[in-house]
Protein backbone atom coordinates (compact mmCIF):
# COMPACT_ATOMS: atom_id res chain seq x y z
CA UNK A 1 -83.69 10.64 37.70
CA UNK A 2 -83.99 12.45 34.16
CA UNK A 3 -87.34 12.15 32.64
CA UNK A 4 -86.64 13.66 29.38
CA UNK A 5 -86.00 10.85 26.72
CA UNK A 6 -83.57 11.73 24.20
CA UNK A 7 -86.34 11.88 21.42
CA UNK A 8 -87.62 14.96 23.22
CA UNK A 9 -84.27 16.84 23.43
CA UNK A 10 -84.46 16.39 19.54
CA UNK A 11 -88.24 18.24 19.30
CA UNK A 12 -87.08 20.64 21.74
CA UNK A 13 -83.97 21.74 19.57
CA UNK A 14 -86.18 21.74 16.17
CA UNK A 15 -88.61 23.70 17.62
CA UNK A 16 -86.66 26.32 18.92
CA UNK A 17 -84.57 26.63 15.77
CA UNK A 18 -87.85 26.43 13.63
CA UNK A 19 -88.73 29.62 14.95
CA UNK A 20 -86.33 31.37 12.68
CA UNK A 21 -85.33 28.73 10.26
CA UNK A 22 -88.32 27.87 7.82
CA UNK A 23 -86.38 25.54 5.87
CA UNK A 24 -86.48 23.01 8.82
CA UNK A 25 -89.01 20.51 7.96
CA UNK A 26 -89.80 17.11 10.13
CA UNK A 27 -91.57 14.14 8.76
CA UNK A 28 -92.81 11.20 10.28
CA UNK A 29 -94.32 7.66 9.49
CA UNK A 30 -97.26 7.61 11.58
CA UNK A 31 -94.81 8.12 14.47
CA UNK A 32 -95.02 11.50 15.65
CA UNK A 33 -96.32 10.83 19.00
CA UNK A 34 -93.78 7.91 19.80
CA UNK A 35 -91.13 10.14 18.53
CA UNK A 36 -92.30 12.87 20.72
CA UNK A 37 -92.56 15.19 17.94
CA UNK A 38 -96.41 16.00 18.02
CA UNK A 39 -95.58 19.46 19.69
CA UNK A 40 -93.68 20.61 16.48
CA UNK A 41 -96.40 19.22 14.51
CA UNK A 42 -98.82 21.43 16.15
CA UNK A 43 -96.66 24.28 16.18
CA UNK A 44 -95.23 24.11 12.75
CA UNK A 45 -97.73 22.46 10.54
CA UNK A 46 -96.61 23.89 7.46
CA UNK A 47 -93.09 22.47 7.98
CA UNK A 48 -94.29 19.09 9.09
CA UNK A 49 -94.94 15.86 6.78
CA UNK A 50 -97.04 12.94 7.87
CA UNK A 51 -96.53 9.93 5.36
CA UNK A 52 -97.97 7.54 7.45
CA UNK A 53 -96.63 3.94 7.51
CA UNK A 54 -94.71 4.12 4.37
CA UNK A 55 -91.09 4.28 5.34
CA UNK A 56 -89.49 4.25 1.88
CA UNK A 57 -91.72 7.21 0.89
CA UNK A 58 -90.64 8.74 4.34
CA UNK A 59 -86.69 8.66 3.22
CA UNK A 60 -87.29 9.47 -0.54
CA UNK A 61 -89.61 12.62 0.11
CA UNK A 62 -87.02 13.75 2.79
CA UNK A 63 -84.30 13.50 0.07
CA UNK A 64 -86.60 15.59 -2.36
CA UNK A 65 -87.14 18.11 0.06
CA UNK A 66 -83.15 18.42 0.63
CA UNK A 67 -82.82 18.72 -3.24
CA UNK A 68 -85.12 21.62 -2.97
CA UNK A 69 -83.08 23.49 -0.13
CA UNK A 70 -84.73 22.34 2.81
CA UNK A 71 -83.68 20.73 6.14
CA UNK A 72 -85.63 17.63 6.49
CA UNK A 73 -85.35 15.82 9.51
CA UNK A 74 -86.99 12.16 9.11
CA UNK A 75 -88.36 10.13 12.16
CA UNK A 76 -89.66 6.42 12.15
CA UNK A 77 -88.95 3.30 14.41
CA UNK A 78 -85.17 2.53 13.98
CA UNK A 79 -86.22 -1.13 13.46
CA UNK A 80 -88.22 -0.21 10.39
CA UNK A 81 -86.26 2.70 9.10
CA UNK A 82 -82.81 0.93 8.96
CA UNK A 83 -84.67 -2.03 7.22
CA UNK A 84 -87.64 -1.21 5.16
CA UNK A 85 -86.03 2.25 3.72
CA UNK A 86 -82.38 0.96 3.54
CA UNK A 87 -82.51 1.38 -0.50
CA UNK A 88 -83.89 4.53 -0.09
CA UNK A 89 -81.31 5.66 2.69
CA UNK A 90 -78.38 4.15 0.69
CA UNK A 91 -79.51 5.73 -2.94
CA UNK A 92 -81.72 8.92 -2.15
CA UNK A 93 -79.79 10.16 0.86
CA UNK A 94 -76.32 8.88 0.81
CA UNK A 95 -75.39 8.24 -2.92
CA UNK A 96 -77.10 11.24 -3.66
CA UNK A 97 -75.40 13.21 -0.83
CA UNK A 98 -78.41 14.82 0.44
CA UNK A 99 -78.90 16.65 3.65
CA UNK A 100 -81.27 14.37 5.27
CA UNK A 101 -80.91 13.59 8.73
CA UNK A 102 -82.74 10.25 9.62
CA UNK A 103 -83.89 9.50 13.09
CA UNK A 104 -84.24 6.27 14.36
CA UNK A 105 -86.32 6.25 17.23
CA UNK A 106 -86.94 3.42 19.99
CA UNK A 107 -83.74 2.12 18.89
CA UNK A 108 -82.11 -1.14 20.15
CA UNK A 109 -84.19 -3.19 22.27
CA UNK A 110 -86.48 -0.27 23.45
CA UNK A 111 -89.57 -1.98 22.20
CA UNK A 112 -88.74 -4.73 24.88
CA UNK A 113 -91.67 -7.29 24.81
CA UNK A 114 -92.76 -6.97 21.15
CA UNK A 115 -89.61 -8.89 20.32
CA UNK A 116 -87.30 -9.25 17.33
CA UNK A 117 -89.74 -7.84 14.79
CA UNK A 118 -89.69 -4.35 16.79
CA UNK A 119 -85.91 -4.69 17.78
CA UNK A 120 -83.16 -2.91 15.83
CA UNK A 121 -79.96 -4.61 16.69
CA UNK A 122 -78.50 -4.38 13.18
CA UNK A 123 -78.78 -0.97 12.63
CA UNK A 124 -75.49 0.15 13.41
CA UNK A 125 -73.71 -2.44 10.97
CA UNK A 126 -76.14 -1.78 8.16
CA UNK A 127 -76.14 2.02 8.19
CA UNK A 128 -72.35 2.31 8.84
CA UNK A 129 -71.68 0.08 5.56
CA UNK A 130 -73.08 2.87 3.43
CA UNK A 131 -70.54 4.98 1.85
CA UNK A 132 -71.26 8.79 2.82
CA UNK A 133 -73.78 7.58 5.79
CA UNK A 134 -72.72 8.99 9.26
CA UNK A 135 -73.82 7.17 12.42
CA UNK A 136 -74.36 8.53 15.69
CA UNK A 137 -75.79 7.12 19.14
CA UNK A 138 -75.69 9.96 21.74
CA UNK A 139 -75.61 9.11 25.09
CA UNK A 140 -77.72 11.32 27.03
CA UNK A 141 -80.31 14.27 26.32
CA UNK A 142 -77.58 17.10 26.32
CA UNK A 143 -75.30 15.45 23.93
CA UNK A 144 -78.53 14.75 21.86
CA UNK A 145 -79.39 18.63 21.70
CA UNK A 146 -75.59 19.67 20.70
CA UNK A 147 -75.70 16.82 18.16
CA UNK A 148 -78.92 18.12 16.41
CA UNK A 149 -77.66 21.64 16.74
CA UNK A 150 -74.30 20.63 14.82
CA UNK A 151 -76.20 18.89 12.12
CA UNK A 152 -78.37 21.69 11.30
CA UNK A 153 -75.16 23.42 10.60
CA UNK A 154 -73.86 21.05 7.65
CA UNK A 155 -75.34 19.59 4.56
CA UNK A 156 -74.35 15.89 4.85
CA UNK A 157 -76.52 12.85 5.29
CA UNK A 158 -76.93 11.26 8.95
CA UNK A 159 -78.39 8.60 10.66
CA UNK A 160 -79.29 8.97 14.52
CA UNK A 161 -80.37 6.29 16.83
CA UNK A 162 -82.11 6.99 20.03
CA UNK A 163 -84.02 4.96 22.58
CA UNK A 164 -87.57 5.09 23.63
CA UNK A 165 -87.16 5.63 27.47
CA UNK A 166 -85.43 8.69 29.68
CA UNK A 167 -81.82 7.76 30.35
CA UNK A 168 -79.79 8.79 33.18
CA UNK A 169 -77.58 12.15 32.49
CA UNK A 170 -73.86 11.41 31.50
CA UNK A 171 -73.34 15.30 31.45
CA UNK A 172 -74.81 18.23 32.62
CA UNK A 173 -76.17 21.17 30.90
CA UNK A 174 -73.40 23.40 31.65
CA UNK A 175 -70.66 20.83 31.14
CA UNK A 176 -71.33 18.67 28.29
CA UNK A 177 -68.07 18.71 25.80
CA UNK A 178 -69.14 18.07 22.22
CA UNK A 179 -67.03 18.42 19.07
CA UNK A 180 -68.52 17.01 15.97
CA UNK A 181 -67.21 13.69 15.06
CA UNK A 182 -64.80 13.69 18.07
CA UNK A 183 -65.15 11.01 20.92
CA UNK A 184 -65.18 12.52 24.55
CA UNK A 185 -62.80 10.81 27.08
CA UNK A 186 -64.86 10.81 30.31
CA UNK A 187 -62.50 9.17 32.47
CA UNK A 188 -58.65 8.25 32.02
CA UNK A 189 -57.35 4.74 33.42
CA UNK A 190 -54.27 2.30 32.69
CA UNK A 191 -56.02 -0.79 33.55
CA UNK A 192 -58.73 -0.77 31.00
CA UNK A 193 -60.49 1.17 28.70
CA UNK A 194 -64.28 0.94 28.04
CA UNK A 195 -65.42 2.32 24.75
CA UNK A 196 -69.25 2.75 24.61
CA UNK A 197 -71.85 4.29 22.67
CA UNK A 198 -75.65 5.33 23.14
CA UNK A 199 -77.25 4.05 26.25
CA UNK A 200 -74.25 1.88 27.21
CA UNK A 201 -72.17 4.96 28.26
CA UNK A 202 -74.18 5.71 31.37
CA UNK A 203 -73.41 1.89 32.78
CA UNK A 204 -69.75 2.19 31.26
CA UNK A 205 -69.35 5.12 33.84
CA UNK A 206 -70.61 3.39 36.67
CA UNK A 207 -68.76 0.55 35.81
CA UNK A 208 -65.73 2.68 36.09
CA UNK A 209 -66.78 3.89 39.53
CA UNK A 210 -67.28 0.56 40.75
CA UNK A 211 -63.57 -0.66 39.72
CA UNK A 212 -62.17 2.33 41.03
CA UNK A 213 -63.45 1.55 44.37
CA UNK A 214 -61.45 -1.89 43.96
CA UNK A 215 -58.07 -0.33 42.87
CA UNK A 216 -58.66 -0.80 38.94
CA UNK A 217 -58.43 2.20 36.79
CA UNK A 218 -60.68 2.37 33.98
CA UNK A 219 -60.97 5.08 31.19
CA UNK A 220 -64.35 5.82 29.67
CA UNK A 221 -64.59 6.84 25.89
CA UNK A 222 -68.12 8.19 24.77
CA UNK A 223 -68.06 7.13 21.14
CA UNK A 224 -71.35 8.72 20.29
CA UNK A 225 -69.83 9.11 16.60
CA UNK A 226 -69.83 5.69 15.38
CA UNK A 227 -69.30 6.67 12.04
CA UNK A 228 -66.66 8.63 11.44
CA UNK A 229 -64.98 6.58 13.82
CA UNK A 230 -62.76 8.73 16.15
CA UNK A 231 -59.58 6.37 15.79
CA UNK A 232 -57.34 8.59 17.65
CA UNK A 233 -59.46 8.23 20.96
CA UNK A 234 -59.50 4.70 20.63
CA UNK A 235 -55.81 4.65 20.10
CA UNK A 236 -54.98 6.80 22.96
CA UNK A 237 -57.30 4.98 25.12
CA UNK A 238 -56.14 1.28 24.34
CA UNK A 239 -52.65 2.33 24.06
CA UNK A 240 -52.73 3.53 27.83
CA UNK A 241 -54.63 0.44 28.86
CA UNK A 242 -54.08 -3.41 29.33
CA UNK A 243 -57.35 -4.62 28.22
CA UNK A 244 -60.28 -2.79 26.16
CA UNK A 245 -63.92 -3.74 26.43
CA UNK A 246 -66.65 -2.38 24.19
CA UNK A 247 -70.26 -1.89 25.41
CA UNK A 248 -73.43 -1.75 22.66
CA UNK A 249 -76.76 -2.20 22.31
CA UNK A 250 -76.44 -3.94 19.18
CA UNK A 251 -75.83 -7.45 17.57
CA UNK A 252 -72.39 -8.61 18.04
CA UNK A 253 -71.18 -8.27 14.29
CA UNK A 254 -70.52 -5.26 12.46
CA UNK A 255 -71.13 -2.72 15.37
CA UNK A 256 -69.00 -0.45 17.49
CA UNK A 257 -67.09 -3.82 19.05
CA UNK A 258 -66.10 -4.94 15.39
CA UNK A 259 -64.88 -1.23 14.40
CA UNK A 260 -62.82 -1.00 17.59
CA UNK A 261 -61.28 -4.28 17.18
CA UNK A 262 -60.03 -3.45 13.62
CA UNK A 263 -58.53 -0.32 14.68
CA UNK A 264 -56.87 -1.99 18.00
CA UNK A 265 -55.57 -4.85 16.24
CA UNK A 266 -54.12 -2.73 13.40
CA UNK A 267 -52.73 0.33 15.61
CA UNK A 268 -51.97 -0.90 19.23
CA UNK A 269 -52.76 -4.43 19.72
CA UNK A 270 -54.25 -5.40 23.02
CA UNK A 271 -57.08 -8.20 24.23
CA UNK A 272 -60.57 -6.54 23.16
CA UNK A 273 -63.68 -8.03 24.68
CA UNK A 274 -67.02 -7.06 22.86
CA UNK A 275 -70.13 -6.85 25.25
CA UNK A 276 -73.24 -6.85 22.97
CA UNK A 277 -76.81 -8.39 22.54
CA UNK A 278 -76.43 -12.08 21.26
CA UNK A 279 -76.54 -13.13 18.02
CA UNK A 280 -80.13 -14.79 18.47
CA UNK A 281 -83.55 -13.41 19.19
CA UNK A 282 -82.99 -11.41 22.78
CA UNK A 283 -85.25 -12.36 25.62
CA UNK A 284 -88.58 -10.39 25.95
CA UNK A 285 -88.67 -7.81 28.87
CA UNK A 286 -88.12 -4.15 29.47
CA UNK A 287 -84.95 -2.42 28.12
CA UNK A 288 -83.38 -2.59 31.91
CA UNK A 289 -84.51 -6.43 31.97
CA UNK A 290 -82.98 -7.31 28.88
CA UNK A 291 -79.55 -5.30 30.01
CA UNK A 292 -79.35 -6.92 33.07
CA UNK A 293 -80.02 -10.50 31.86
CA UNK A 294 -77.13 -9.97 29.26
CA UNK A 295 -74.75 -8.17 31.53
CA UNK A 296 -75.07 -4.61 29.56
CA UNK A 297 -75.13 -2.85 33.02
CA UNK A 298 -72.58 -1.55 35.08
CA UNK A 299 -72.13 -4.59 37.19
CA UNK A 300 -71.97 -6.85 34.14
CA UNK A 301 -69.36 -4.49 32.37
CA UNK A 302 -67.12 -4.36 35.70
CA UNK A 303 -67.28 -8.25 36.21
CA UNK A 304 -65.94 -8.61 32.34
CA UNK A 305 -62.87 -6.42 32.97
CA UNK A 306 -62.23 -8.18 36.11
CA UNK A 307 -62.28 -11.68 34.84
CA UNK A 308 -60.15 -10.51 31.93
CA UNK A 309 -57.59 -8.27 33.49
């Protein structure tokens, strides 16, 4: 089992690149520990800014640094970054088109027992609604590393959401296909198409394996790029299947499921079933316990497909 969370993969890439690129700046809102960015702060203190518990300032300072030619990466818990500093993300980053990468750590229901105040089940919808803002949910540490490397090469605003805990590897270091803003088709299938993002990609792959053992062929699409959405990948997967199922660690409105449904309805009408968190405060527990309770696991995805085919 992989023991490296995606947040640590982000730190490792930034530390390696900061050796040569002194324009890389990391900002935290009293979150260097939970963001796994303490090693960066210790190694590059002149390229690190601690703003304290002040998320609005975090984003505005990052935008100001970007306007001065820096490459800021601002990390804070996703539940606060996507709500408390929403106006700054909209105006200072997106509207001003600044080179700021916002890193929402402990995304989704990572904080488990801390409840709705610490859950970020609306951030995909909120951030995707902002013009110019890109939204990414990498599925494992290898894809996370490639995404950070790619973002270091462009100058556009972006929001990344990663979870708190390690997730099982979807790919390997040697074979992690990655193209910026292009989804990855992990498997192909003619019965169903599973389109997932973030931590739901791993369970989607396992669900396809369970279904294959029962003679059901399911395609799996890793839609790490929620915005810009890879519509071509959706149309291709949906066009080859009888059923489309989306899986996301998000509220049922405005997230990946809503976006995929719009594309499928317009381009290649098929039945679409959206698996997501409920429109209510979720139960308390570990991420695994919450996922299992709501059927956001391999068995739940496989069951949903069998019931709807």
